[in-house]
Amino acid sequence: MIETLKKHKKAIYLYGGLLAGFLFLIFIAIITQSTPYSSTRFYNPVAIDFGFAQIAWYAVFILTGISIGAYLAYLEFKKVGWNTDLLFDALLIAVPLSIIGSRLYYVIFDPNPNYSNFIDVININNGGLSIHGAVITAFIFVIIFTKRKKLNFWLLADILAIGFFVGQIIGRWGNFMNAEAYGPVIESQFILNILPDFIKNQMNIGLRGEIYHPTFLYEGIWNFFGLVFLLIARRKRWFKVGDMFGLYLIWYGLGRGAIIEPLRTGGDPGDALRMFGLPANIILSLTLFMLGGAAIIIVKKIIYKDQKYYVDMLVENQE
């Protein structure tokens, strides 16, 4: 099975990434014309129901984000002159590990643990996942992978920063389908006027018809601006290798820890996670990500002074 996938890896990256992007655009077009799913939920959180099993929209969006992120990484691997087989090898290991790490993060910081056996711990159908755990796991994996394959860790981290942004932007639409990751009731008429109707329909979850702040959307927009900046920056002679990964951590940590998480009031199991009695996602976002990103940039300038500019690593610029 794995050998077959490797044999057709180019087609998988090329057509898989393009198809995922196309399907995502079709989804956005369809939901704007949808009718209510039930009296309590506007959209059905289940994408496909086989009777004996279901595929949730949340999973669809996570996989779509991974596919598009992998496709962009594939194109960048070619630009820096790396063997794209290495990317395929990494994804086969990193994706499952990141899902496990995402689940373990949730279990570790769950304030009301109720896990009687190992199956309960890994059962994502009866629990939650956290992007923080996925990012931390992926970061550790990249350190080990680049050392074994003798690759430039900082360069790969910069490439993956784009994939992280893409995955988080698209993955948040899974929260939209679940009507979760929301904030308090919207009091501003200005915000109500600018929000699309399909967003307001799904956020109309109050007992009295109140519309709640779609913090999943705010986070997606925040990350979108970060993504656009990095896409422009990596083609300019602005940052050295590794700096953009540090900027990703700073941008994501600041937005999630200082803006999004304090605004969220419920709807997502991850909101209840605690560390030392405080919201775990806020602590991890502000310290591990934002401060960690700042530390990376500072340490690189002190220890790794000979790093090249990212754009100078592109093969097409060296020919």
C-alpha atoms as a PDB file:
ATOM      1  CA  MET A   1       0.000   0.000   0.000  1.00  0.00           C
ATOM      2  CA  ILE A   2       2.715   2.469   1.014  1.00  0.00           C
ATOM      3  CA  GLU A   3       4.809   1.607  -2.043  1.00  0.00           C
ATOM      4  CA  THR A   4       1.822   2.224  -4.304  1.00  0.00           C
ATOM      5  CA  LEU A   5       1.257   5.632  -2.710  1.00  0.00           C
ATOM      6  CA  LYS A   6       4.921   6.536  -3.175  1.00  0.00           C
ATOM      7  CA  LYS A   7       4.794   5.481  -6.816  1.00  0.00           C
ATOM      8  CA  HIS A   8       1.999   7.939  -7.531  1.00  0.00           C
ATOM      9  CA  LYS A   9       3.062  10.654  -5.092  1.00  0.00           C
ATOM     10  CA  LYS A  10       3.306  13.430  -7.685  1.00  0.00           C
ATOM     11  CA  ALA A  11      -0.218  12.874  -8.895  1.00  0.00           C
ATOM     12  CA  ILE A  12      -1.467  12.674  -5.299  1.00  0.00           C
ATOM     13  CA  TYR A  13       0.099  16.020  -4.365  1.00  0.00           C
ATOM     14  CA  LEU A  14      -0.839  17.794  -7.587  1.00  0.00           C
ATOM     15  CA  TYR A  15      -4.398  16.630  -8.083  1.00  0.00           C
ATOM     16  CA  GLY A  16      -5.151  16.016  -4.409  1.00  0.00           C
ATOM     17  CA  GLY A  17      -4.222  19.559  -3.411  1.00  0.00           C
ATOM     18  CA  LEU A  18      -6.087  21.128  -6.318  1.00  0.00           C
ATOM     19  CA  LEU A  19      -9.151  18.940  -5.696  1.00  0.00           C
ATOM     20  CA  ALA A  20      -9.191  19.784  -2.000  1.00  0.00           C
ATOM     21  CA  GLY A  21      -9.100  23.500  -2.777  1.00  0.00           C
ATOM     22  CA  PHE A  22     -11.825  23.151  -5.409  1.00  0.00           C
ATOM     23  CA  LEU A  23     -14.101  21.179  -3.078  1.00  0.00           C
ATOM     24  CA  PHE A  24     -13.610  23.747  -0.322  1.00  0.00           C
ATOM     25  CA  LEU A  25     -14.765  26.538  -2.651  1.00  0.00           C
ATOM     26  CA  ILE A  26     -17.772  24.452  -3.710  1.00  0.00           C
ATOM     27  CA  PHE A  27     -18.648  23.878  -0.058  1.00  0.00           C
ATOM     28  CA  ILE A  28     -18.629  27.610   0.676  1.00  0.00           C
ATOM     29  CA  ALA A  29     -20.877  28.197  -2.341  1.00  0.00           C
ATOM     30  CA  ILE A  30     -23.334  25.474  -1.290  1.00  0.00           C
ATOM     31  CA  ILE A  31     -23.748  26.481   2.348  1.00  0.00           C
ATOM     32  CA  THR A  32     -24.682  30.027   1.380  1.00  0.00           C
ATOM     33  CA  GLN A  33     -27.791  28.569  -0.278  1.00  0.00           C
ATOM     34  CA  SER A  34     -28.606  25.863   2.275  1.00  0.00           C
ATOM     35  CA  THR A  35     -31.827  25.433   4.234  1.00  0.00           C
ATOM     36  CA  PRO A  36     -31.959  24.692   7.986  1.00  0.00           C
ATOM     37  CA  TYR A  37     -30.953  21.178   9.012  1.00  0.00           C
ATOM     38  CA  SER A  38     -33.162  21.165  12.121  1.00  0.00           C
ATOM     39  CA  SER A  39     -34.883  23.508  14.527  1.00  0.00           C
ATOM     40  CA  THR A  40     -31.741  23.690  16.681  1.00  0.00           C
ATOM     41  CA  ARG A  41     -28.943  23.564  14.078  1.00  0.00           C
ATOM     42  CA  PHE A  42     -28.732  25.158  10.672  1.00  0.00           C
ATOM     43  CA  TYR A  43     -26.156  22.831   9.092  1.00  0.00           C
ATOM     44  CA  ASN A  44     -25.722  19.094   9.487  1.00  0.00           C
ATOM     45  CA  PRO A  45     -22.357  18.375  11.182  1.00  0.00           C
ATOM     46  CA  VAL A  46     -22.252  14.970   9.437  1.00  0.00           C
ATOM     47  CA  ALA A  47     -20.915  15.065   5.883  1.00  0.00           C
ATOM     48  CA  ILE A  48     -21.590  11.425   4.947  1.00  0.00           C
ATOM     49  CA  ASP A  49     -23.734   8.875   6.776  1.00  0.00           C
ATOM     50  CA  PHE A  50     -23.170   5.268   5.761  1.00  0.00           C
ATOM     51  CA  GLY A  51     -25.612   3.977   8.341  1.00  0.00           C
ATOM     52  CA  PHE A  52     -22.998   1.903  10.139  1.00  0.00           C
ATOM     53  CA  ALA A  53     -20.506   4.776  10.238  1.00  0.00           C
ATOM     54  CA  GLN A  54     -20.397   8.535   9.781  1.00  0.00           C
ATOM     55  CA  ILE A  55     -17.860  11.009   8.435  1.00  0.00           C
ATOM     56  CA  ALA A  56     -18.085  14.380  10.172  1.00  0.00           C
ATOM     57  CA  TRP A  57     -17.505  17.661   8.415  1.00  0.00           C
ATOM     58  CA  TYR A  58     -14.892  18.404  11.070  1.00  0.00           C
ATOM     59  CA  ALA A  59     -12.772  15.513   9.790  1.00  0.00           C
ATOM     60  CA  VAL A  60     -13.350  16.565   6.181  1.00  0.00           C
ATOM     61  CA  PHE A  61     -12.021  20.043   6.835  1.00  0.00           C
ATOM     62  CA  ILE A  62      -9.026  18.803   8.810  1.00  0.00           C
ATOM     63  CA  LEU A  63      -8.060  16.485   5.940  1.00  0.00           C
ATOM     64  CA  THR A  64      -8.718  19.239   3.388  1.00  0.00           C
ATOM     65  CA  GLY A  65      -6.399  21.584   5.258  1.00  0.00           C
ATOM     66  CA  ILE A  66      -3.707  18.916   5.445  1.00  0.00           C
ATOM     67  CA  SER A  67      -4.069  18.172   1.721  1.00  0.00           C
ATOM     68  CA  ILE A  68      -3.755  21.781   0.609  1.00  0.00           C
ATOM     69  CA  GLY A  69      -0.913  22.418   3.053  1.00  0.00           C
ATOM     70  CA  ALA A  70       0.906  19.327   1.744  1.00  0.00           C
ATOM     71  CA  TYR A  71       0.391  20.478  -1.834  1.00  0.00           C
ATOM     72  CA  LEU A  72       1.936  23.881  -1.109  1.00  0.00           C
ATOM     73  CA  ALA A  73       4.826  22.197   0.724  1.00  0.00           C
ATOM     74  CA  TYR A  74       5.338  19.898  -2.283  1.00  0.00           C
ATOM     75  CA  LEU A  75       5.693  22.914  -4.589  1.00  0.00           C
ATOM     76  CA  GLU A  76       8.131  24.555  -2.170  1.00  0.00           C
ATOM     77  CA  PHE A  77      10.227  21.395  -1.842  1.00  0.00           C
ATOM     78  CA  LYS A  78      10.787  21.580  -5.590  1.00  0.00           C
ATOM     79  CA  LYS A  79      11.765  25.240  -5.377  1.00  0.00           C
ATOM     80  CA  VAL A  80      14.432  24.597  -2.715  1.00  0.00           C
ATOM     81  CA  GLY A  81      15.704  21.539  -4.595  1.00  0.00           C
ATOM     82  CA  TRP A  82      14.692  18.883  -2.080  1.00  0.00           C
ATOM     83  CA  ASN A  83      13.560  15.393  -2.980  1.00  0.00           C
ATOM     84  CA  THR A  84       9.761  15.415  -2.699  1.00  0.00           C
ATOM     85  CA  ASP A  85       9.876  11.772  -1.571  1.00  0.00           C
ATOM     86  CA  LEU A  86      11.085  13.103   1.776  1.00  0.00           C
ATOM     87  CA  LEU A  87       7.913  15.144   2.180  1.00  0.00           C
ATOM     88  CA  PHE A  88       5.741  12.120   1.467  1.00  0.00           C
ATOM     89  CA  ASP A  89       7.722  10.014   3.960  1.00  0.00           C
ATOM     90  CA  ALA A  90       7.352  12.720   6.622  1.00  0.00           C
ATOM     91  CA  LEU A  91       3.601  13.135   6.123  1.00  0.00           C
ATOM     92  CA  LEU A  92       2.926   9.408   6.462  1.00  0.00           C
ATOM     93  CA  ILE A  93       4.382   9.585   9.967  1.00  0.00           C
ATOM     94  CA  ALA A  94       3.736  13.180  11.052  1.00  0.00           C
ATOM     95  CA  VAL A  95      -0.007  13.306  10.352  1.00  0.00           C
ATOM     96  CA  PRO A  96      -0.949  10.278  12.520  1.00  0.00           C
ATOM     97  CA  LEU A  97       1.457  11.412  15.240  1.00  0.00           C
ATOM     98  CA  SER A  98      -0.010  14.916  15.232  1.00  0.00           C
ATOM     99  CA  ILE A  99      -3.524  13.543  15.636  1.00  0.00           C
ATOM    100  CA  ILE A 100      -2.317  11.449  18.577  1.00  0.00           C
ATOM    101  CA  GLY A 101      -0.519  14.466  20.052  1.00  0.00           C
ATOM    102  CA  SER A 102      -3.628  16.569  19.621  1.00  0.00           C
ATOM    103  CA  ARG A 103      -5.678  14.022  21.537  1.00  0.00           C
ATOM    104  CA  LEU A 104      -3.080  13.525  24.295  1.00  0.00           C
ATOM    105  CA  TYR A 105      -2.895  17.280  24.876  1.00  0.00           C
ATOM    106  CA  TYR A 106      -6.645  17.306  25.412  1.00  0.00           C
ATOM    107  CA  VAL A 107      -6.521  14.317  27.765  1.00  0.00           C
ATOM    108  CA  ILE A 108      -3.629  15.721  29.826  1.00  0.00           C
ATOM    109  CA  PHE A 109      -5.318  19.071  30.462  1.00  0.00           C
ATOM    110  CA  ASP A 110      -8.892  17.808  30.724  1.00  0.00           C
ATOM    111  CA  PRO A 111     -10.227  19.211  34.039  1.00  0.00           C
ATOM    112  CA  ASN A 112     -12.805  16.414  34.270  1.00  0.00           C
ATOM    113  CA  PRO A 113     -10.976  13.255  33.188  1.00  0.00           C
ATOM    114  CA  ASN A 114     -13.100  10.176  32.749  1.00  0.00           C
ATOM    115  CA  TYR A 115     -10.825   7.656  31.068  1.00  0.00           C
ATOM    116  CA  SER A 116     -11.140   4.129  32.384  1.00  0.00           C
ATOM    117  CA  ASN A 117      -8.877   2.481  29.799  1.00  0.00           C
ATOM    118  CA  PHE A 118      -6.547   3.152  26.880  1.00  0.00           C
ATOM    119  CA  ILE A 119      -9.417   3.052  24.375  1.00  0.00           C
ATOM    120  CA  ASP A 120     -11.088   5.949  26.183  1.00  0.00           C
ATOM    121  CA  VAL A 121      -7.871   7.932  25.917  1.00  0.00           C
ATOM    122  CA  ILE A 122      -7.512   7.542  22.136  1.00  0.00           C
ATOM    123  CA  ASN A 123     -11.226   7.594  21.323  1.00  0.00           C
ATOM    124  CA  ILE A 124     -11.598  10.914  19.469  1.00  0.00           C
ATOM    125  CA  ASN A 125     -15.254  10.152  18.761  1.00  0.00           C
ATOM    126  CA  ASN A 126     -16.013  10.610  22.449  1.00  0.00           C
ATOM    127  CA  GLY A 127     -13.711  13.469  23.277  1.00  0.00           C
ATOM    128  CA  GLY A 128     -11.786  16.381  21.886  1.00  0.00           C
ATOM    129  CA  LEU A 129      -8.677  17.400  19.984  1.00  0.00           C
ATOM    130  CA  SER A 130      -6.447  20.449  20.308  1.00  0.00           C
ATOM    131  CA  ILE A 131      -4.391  22.163  17.625  1.00  0.00           C
ATOM    132  CA  HIS A 132      -1.819  23.033  20.300  1.00  0.00           C
ATOM    133  CA  GLY A 133      -0.985  19.367  20.776  1.00  0.00           C
ATOM    134  CA  ALA A 134      -0.748  18.831  17.029  1.00  0.00           C
ATOM    135  CA  VAL A 135       1.674  21.739  16.534  1.00  0.00           C
ATOM    136  CA  ILE A 136       3.865  20.673  19.463  1.00  0.00           C
ATOM    137  CA  THR A 137       3.998  17.077  18.211  1.00  0.00           C
ATOM    138  CA  ALA A 138       4.783  18.156  14.647  1.00  0.00           C
ATOM    139  CA  PHE A 139       7.567  20.437  15.908  1.00  0.00           C
ATOM    140  CA  ILE A 140       9.225  17.602  17.835  1.00  0.00           C
ATOM    141  CA  PHE A 141       8.874  15.266  14.865  1.00  0.00           C
ATOM    142  CA  VAL A 142      10.493  17.792  12.493  1.00  0.00           C
ATOM    143  CA  ILE A 143      13.512  18.108  14.801  1.00  0.00           C
ATOM    144  CA  ILE A 144      14.052  14.333  14.723  1.00  0.00           C
ATOM    145  CA  PHE A 145      13.214  13.950  11.031  1.00  0.00           C
ATOM    146  CA  THR A 146      15.559  16.694   9.793  1.00  0.00           C
ATOM    147  CA  LYS A 147      18.403  15.344  11.909  1.00  0.00           C
ATOM    148  CA  ARG A 148      17.995  11.813  10.520  1.00  0.00           C
ATOM    149  CA  LYS A 149      17.563  12.965   6.919  1.00  0.00           C
ATOM    150  CA  LYS A 150      20.276  15.642   7.220  1.00  0.00           C
ATOM    151  CA  LEU A 151      17.965  18.469   6.191  1.00  0.00           C
ATOM    152  CA  ASN A 152      18.010  22.109   7.245  1.00  0.00           C
ATOM    153  CA  PHE A 153      15.593  22.202  10.174  1.00  0.00           C
ATOM    154  CA  TRP A 154      14.967  25.943   9.940  1.00  0.00           C
ATOM    155  CA  LEU A 155      14.175  25.787   6.238  1.00  0.00           C
ATOM    156  CA  LEU A 156      11.693  22.952   6.700  1.00  0.00           C
ATOM    157  CA  ALA A 157      10.114  24.774   9.655  1.00  0.00           C
ATOM    158  CA  ASP A 158       9.554  27.826   7.433  1.00  0.00           C
ATOM    159  CA  ILE A 159       7.869  25.660   4.800  1.00  0.00           C
ATOM    160  CA  LEU A 160       5.646  23.991   7.383  1.00  0.00           C
ATOM    161  CA  ALA A 161       4.609  27.359   8.861  1.00  0.00           C
ATOM    162  CA  ILE A 162       2.622  27.971   5.673  1.00  0.00           C
ATOM    163  CA  GLY A 163       1.006  24.540   6.003  1.00  0.00           C
ATOM    164  CA  PHE A 164       0.089  25.187   9.636  1.00  0.00           C
ATOM    165  CA  PHE A 165      -1.639  28.436   8.711  1.00  0.00           C
ATOM    166  CA  VAL A 166      -3.557  26.792   5.862  1.00  0.00           C
ATOM    167  CA  GLY A 167      -4.613  23.850   8.026  1.00  0.00           C
ATOM    168  CA  GLN A 168      -5.828  26.120  10.826  1.00  0.00           C
ATOM    169  CA  ILE A 169      -7.736  28.433   8.495  1.00  0.00           C
ATOM    170  CA  ILE A 170      -9.606  25.623   6.755  1.00  0.00           C
ATOM    171  CA  GLY A 171      -9.920  23.406   9.830  1.00  0.00           C
ATOM    172  CA  ARG A 172     -11.839  26.134  11.660  1.00  0.00           C
ATOM    173  CA  TRP A 173     -14.761  25.540   9.308  1.00  0.00           C
ATOM    174  CA  GLY A 174     -15.198  22.253  11.120  1.00  0.00           C
ATOM    175  CA  ASN A 175     -16.053  24.339  14.195  1.00  0.00           C
ATOM    176  CA  PHE A 176     -18.528  26.236  12.042  1.00  0.00           C
ATOM    177  CA  MET A 177     -20.336  23.021  11.077  1.00  0.00           C
ATOM    178  CA  ASN A 178     -20.417  21.942  14.734  1.00  0.00           C
ATOM    179  CA  ALA A 179     -21.676  25.388  15.837  1.00  0.00           C
ATOM    180  CA  GLU A 180     -18.855  25.621  18.369  1.00  0.00           C
ATOM    181  CA  ALA A 181     -15.870  27.816  19.264  1.00  0.00           C
ATOM    182  CA  TYR A 182     -18.025  30.885  19.734  1.00  0.00           C
ATOM    183  CA  GLY A 183     -17.899  33.944  21.962  1.00  0.00           C
ATOM    184  CA  PRO A 184     -20.525  35.960  23.818  1.00  0.00           C
ATOM    185  CA  VAL A 185     -23.739  37.322  22.332  1.00  0.00           C
ATOM    186  CA  ILE A 186     -23.092  39.988  19.697  1.00  0.00           C
ATOM    187  CA  GLU A 187     -24.186  43.384  20.947  1.00  0.00           C
ATOM    188  CA  SER A 188     -22.764  45.477  18.104  1.00  0.00           C
ATOM    189  CA  GLN A 189     -25.146  46.228  15.258  1.00  0.00           C
ATOM    190  CA  PHE A 190     -22.154  46.993  13.035  1.00  0.00           C
ATOM    191  CA  ILE A 191     -20.818  43.423  13.406  1.00  0.00           C
ATOM    192  CA  LEU A 192     -24.284  41.992  12.802  1.00  0.00           C
ATOM    193  CA  ASN A 193     -24.554  44.014   9.608  1.00  0.00           C
ATOM    194  CA  ILE A 194     -21.237  42.865   8.139  1.00  0.00           C
ATOM    195  CA  LEU A 195     -21.501  39.167   9.031  1.00  0.00           C
ATOM    196  CA  PRO A 196     -22.807  36.969   6.176  1.00  0.00           C
ATOM    197  CA  ASP A 197     -26.248  35.468   6.746  1.00  0.00           C
ATOM    198  CA  PHE A 198     -24.985  31.875   6.687  1.00  0.00           C
ATOM    199  CA  ILE A 199     -22.581  32.679   9.539  1.00  0.00           C
ATOM    200  CA  LYS A 200     -25.323  34.348  11.580  1.00  0.00           C
ATOM    201  CA  ASN A 201     -27.661  31.413  10.944  1.00  0.00           C
ATOM    202  CA  GLN A 202     -25.166  28.938  12.408  1.00  0.00           C
ATOM    203  CA  MET A 203     -24.320  31.223  15.334  1.00  0.00           C
ATOM    204  CA  ASN A 204     -28.010  31.688  16.191  1.00  0.00           C
ATOM    205  CA  ILE A 205     -27.742  29.236  19.070  1.00  0.00           C
ATOM    206  CA  GLY A 206     -29.200  31.154  21.986  1.00  0.00           C
ATOM    207  CA  LEU A 207     -32.482  30.219  23.634  1.00  0.00           C
ATOM    208  CA  ARG A 208     -33.885  33.594  22.631  1.00  0.00           C
ATOM    209  CA  GLY A 209     -32.419  33.660  19.146  1.00  0.00           C
ATOM    210  CA  GLU A 210     -29.226  35.500  20.103  1.00  0.00           C
ATOM    211  CA  ILE A 211     -26.356  35.469  17.648  1.00  0.00           C
ATOM    212  CA  TYR A 212     -22.977  34.679  19.180  1.00  0.00           C
ATOM    213  CA  HIS A 213     -19.561  35.933  18.111  1.00  0.00           C
ATOM    214  CA  PRO A 214     -18.077  33.460  15.562  1.00  0.00           C
ATOM    215  CA  THR A 215     -14.606  33.352  17.107  1.00  0.00           C
ATOM    216  CA  PHE A 216     -13.689  30.474  14.784  1.00  0.00           C
ATOM    217  CA  LEU A 217     -14.128  32.982  11.934  1.00  0.00           C
ATOM    218  CA  TYR A 218     -12.116  35.685  13.693  1.00  0.00           C
ATOM    219  CA  GLU A 219      -9.250  33.243  14.222  1.00  0.00           C
ATOM    220  CA  GLY A 220      -9.418  32.159  10.599  1.00  0.00           C
ATOM    221  CA  ILE A 221      -9.257  35.769   9.387  1.00  0.00           C
ATOM    222  CA  TRP A 222      -6.380  36.538  11.764  1.00  0.00           C
ATOM    223  CA  ASN A 223      -4.427  33.542  10.470  1.00  0.00           C
ATOM    224  CA  PHE A 224      -5.296  34.428   6.870  1.00  0.00           C
ATOM    225  CA  PHE A 225      -3.536  37.782   7.207  1.00  0.00           C
ATOM    226  CA  GLY A 226      -0.553  35.997   8.736  1.00  0.00           C
ATOM    227  CA  LEU A 227      -0.532  33.524   5.841  1.00  0.00           C
ATOM    228  CA  VAL A 228      -0.650  36.270   3.192  1.00  0.00           C
ATOM    229  CA  PHE A 229       2.211  38.099   4.887  1.00  0.00           C
ATOM    230  CA  LEU A 230       4.423  35.001   4.977  1.00  0.00           C
ATOM    231  CA  LEU A 231       3.610  34.106   1.361  1.00  0.00           C
ATOM    232  CA  ILE A 232       4.780  37.573   0.311  1.00  0.00           C
ATOM    233  CA  ALA A 233       7.720  37.689   2.722  1.00  0.00           C
ATOM    234  CA  ARG A 234       9.257  34.398   1.609  1.00  0.00           C
ATOM    235  CA  ARG A 235       9.729  35.764  -1.901  1.00  0.00           C
ATOM    236  CA  LYS A 236      11.412  38.914  -0.602  1.00  0.00           C
ATOM    237  CA  ARG A 237      14.838  39.315   0.942  1.00  0.00           C
ATOM    238  CA  TRP A 238      13.320  40.199   4.311  1.00  0.00           C
ATOM    239  CA  PHE A 239      13.906  37.235   6.609  1.00  0.00           C
ATOM    240  CA  LYS A 240      16.577  34.631   7.124  1.00  0.00           C
ATOM    241  CA  VAL A 241      15.873  30.915   7.293  1.00  0.00           C
ATOM    242  CA  GLY A 242      13.861  30.070  10.410  1.00  0.00           C
ATOM    243  CA  ASP A 243      12.604  33.608  11.040  1.00  0.00           C
ATOM    244  CA  MET A 244       9.263  32.959   9.362  1.00  0.00           C
ATOM    245  CA  PHE A 245       8.608  29.955  11.560  1.00  0.00           C
ATOM    246  CA  GLY A 246       9.278  32.174  14.568  1.00  0.00           C
ATOM    247  CA  LEU A 247       6.915  34.792  13.151  1.00  0.00           C
ATOM    248  CA  TYR A 248       4.242  32.144  12.668  1.00  0.00           C
ATOM    249  CA  LEU A 249       4.500  31.169  16.336  1.00  0.00           C
ATOM    250  CA  ILE A 250       4.354  34.807  17.428  1.00  0.00           C
ATOM    251  CA  TRP A 251       1.398  35.642  15.184  1.00  0.00           C
ATOM    252  CA  TYR A 252      -0.592  32.537  16.075  1.00  0.00           C
ATOM    253  CA  GLY A 253       0.256  32.739  19.782  1.00  0.00           C
ATOM    254  CA  LEU A 254      -0.661  36.409  20.039  1.00  0.00           C
ATOM    255  CA  GLY A 255      -3.936  36.035  18.158  1.00  0.00           C
ATOM    256  CA  ARG A 256      -5.027  32.854  19.898  1.00  0.00           C
ATOM    257  CA  GLY A 257      -3.849  33.703  23.408  1.00  0.00           C
ATOM    258  CA  ALA A 258      -4.557  37.423  23.647  1.00  0.00           C
ATOM    259  CA  ILE A 259      -7.546  37.873  21.323  1.00  0.00           C
ATOM    260  CA  ILE A 260      -9.459  34.694  20.466  1.00  0.00           C
ATOM    261  CA  GLU A 261      -9.300  32.587  23.637  1.00  0.00           C
ATOM    262  CA  PRO A 262     -10.294  35.391  26.045  1.00  0.00           C
ATOM    263  CA  LEU A 263     -13.312  36.071  23.806  1.00  0.00           C
ATOM    264  CA  ARG A 264     -14.467  32.463  23.604  1.00  0.00           C
ATOM    265  CA  THR A 265     -17.179  31.489  26.060  1.00  0.00           C
ATOM    266  CA  GLY A 266     -17.935  27.889  25.131  1.00  0.00           C
ATOM    267  CA  GLY A 267     -19.189  25.421  22.602  1.00  0.00           C
ATOM    268  CA  ASP A 268     -15.818  23.724  22.153  1.00  0.00           C
ATOM    269  CA  PRO A 269     -14.582  21.037  24.585  1.00  0.00           C
ATOM    270  CA  GLY A 270     -11.109  22.549  24.340  1.00  0.00           C
ATOM    271  CA  ASP A 271     -12.299  25.702  26.086  1.00  0.00           C
ATOM    272  CA  ALA A 272     -12.513  23.790  29.373  1.00  0.00           C
ATOM    273  CA  LEU A 273      -8.876  22.603  29.389  1.00  0.00           C
ATOM    274  CA  ARG A 274      -6.941  23.815  32.421  1.00  0.00           C
ATOM    275  CA  MET A 275      -3.281  24.192  33.448  1.00  0.00           C
ATOM    276  CA  PHE A 276      -2.637  25.187  37.069  1.00  0.00           C
ATOM    277  CA  GLY A 277      -6.300  26.143  37.253  1.00  0.00           C
ATOM    278  CA  LEU A 278      -5.993  28.570  34.330  1.00  0.00           C
ATOM    279  CA  PRO A 279      -7.117  28.159  30.691  1.00  0.00           C
ATOM    280  CA  ALA A 280      -4.476  25.895  29.145  1.00  0.00           C
ATOM    281  CA  ASN A 281      -4.915  27.248  25.624  1.00  0.00           C
ATOM    282  CA  ILE A 282      -4.230  30.818  26.735  1.00  0.00           C
ATOM    283  CA  ILE A 283      -1.113  29.843  28.696  1.00  0.00           C
ATOM    284  CA  LEU A 284       0.298  27.685  25.904  1.00  0.00           C
ATOM    285  CA  SER A 285      -0.516  30.250  23.231  1.00  0.00           C
ATOM    286  CA  LEU A 286       1.129  33.161  25.006  1.00  0.00           C
ATOM    287  CA  THR A 287       4.167  31.303  26.327  1.00  0.00           C
ATOM    288  CA  LEU A 288       5.067  28.291  24.201  1.00  0.00           C
ATOM    289  CA  PHE A 289       4.052  29.861  20.897  1.00  0.00           C
ATOM    290  CA  MET A 290       4.412  33.628  21.124  1.00  0.00           C
ATOM    291  CA  LEU A 291       7.386  33.749  23.501  1.00  0.00           C
ATOM    292  CA  GLY A 292       8.843  30.629  21.910  1.00  0.00           C
ATOM    293  CA  GLY A 293       8.714  32.286  18.519  1.00  0.00           C
ATOM    294  CA  ALA A 294      10.421  35.401  19.831  1.00  0.00           C
ATOM    295  CA  ALA A 295      13.093  33.238  21.482  1.00  0.00           C
ATOM    296  CA  ILE A 296      13.744  31.403  18.213  1.00  0.00           C
ATOM    297  CA  ILE A 297      14.347  34.633  16.319  1.00  0.00           C
ATOM    298  CA  ILE A 298      16.597  36.062  19.050  1.00  0.00           C
ATOM    299  CA  VAL A 299      18.598  32.851  19.572  1.00  0.00           C
ATOM    300  CA  LYS A 300      19.085  32.443  15.838  1.00  0.00           C
ATOM    301  CA  LYS A 301      20.588  35.896  15.578  1.00  0.00           C
ATOM    302  CA  ILE A 302      23.018  35.103  18.389  1.00  0.00           C
ATOM    303  CA  ILE A 303      23.969  31.473  17.693  1.00  0.00           C
ATOM    304  CA  TYR A 304      23.119  30.870  14.030  1.00  0.00           C
ATOM    305  CA  LYS A 305      24.507  34.084  12.606  1.00  0.00           C
ATOM    306  CA  ASP A 306      25.439  32.541   9.258  1.00  0.00           C
ATOM    307  CA  GLN A 307      21.879  31.659   8.219  1.00  0.00           C
ATOM    308  CA  LYS A 308      20.993  32.633   4.658  1.00  0.00           C
ATOM    309  CA  TYR A 309      17.964  34.596   3.617  1.00  0.00           C
ATOM    310  CA  TYR A 310      15.085  32.287   2.806  1.00  0.00           C
ATOM    311  CA  VAL A 311      14.752  33.533  -0.764  1.00  0.00           C
ATOM    312  CA  ASP A 312      18.452  32.761  -1.346  1.00  0.00           C
ATOM    313  CA  MET A 313      17.729  29.075  -0.627  1.00  0.00           C
ATOM    314  CA  LEU A 314      15.517  28.735  -3.690  1.00  0.00           C
ATOM    315  CA  VAL A 315      17.199  26.726  -6.428  1.00  0.00           C
ATOM    316  CA  GLU A 316      15.650  28.858  -9.154  1.00  0.00           C
ATOM    317  CA  ASN A 317      17.426  31.912  -7.723  1.00  0.00           C
ATOM    318  CA  GLN A 318      20.794  30.174  -7.692  1.00  0.00           C
ATOM    319  CA  GLU A 319      20.836  29.172 -11.339  1.00  0.00           C
END
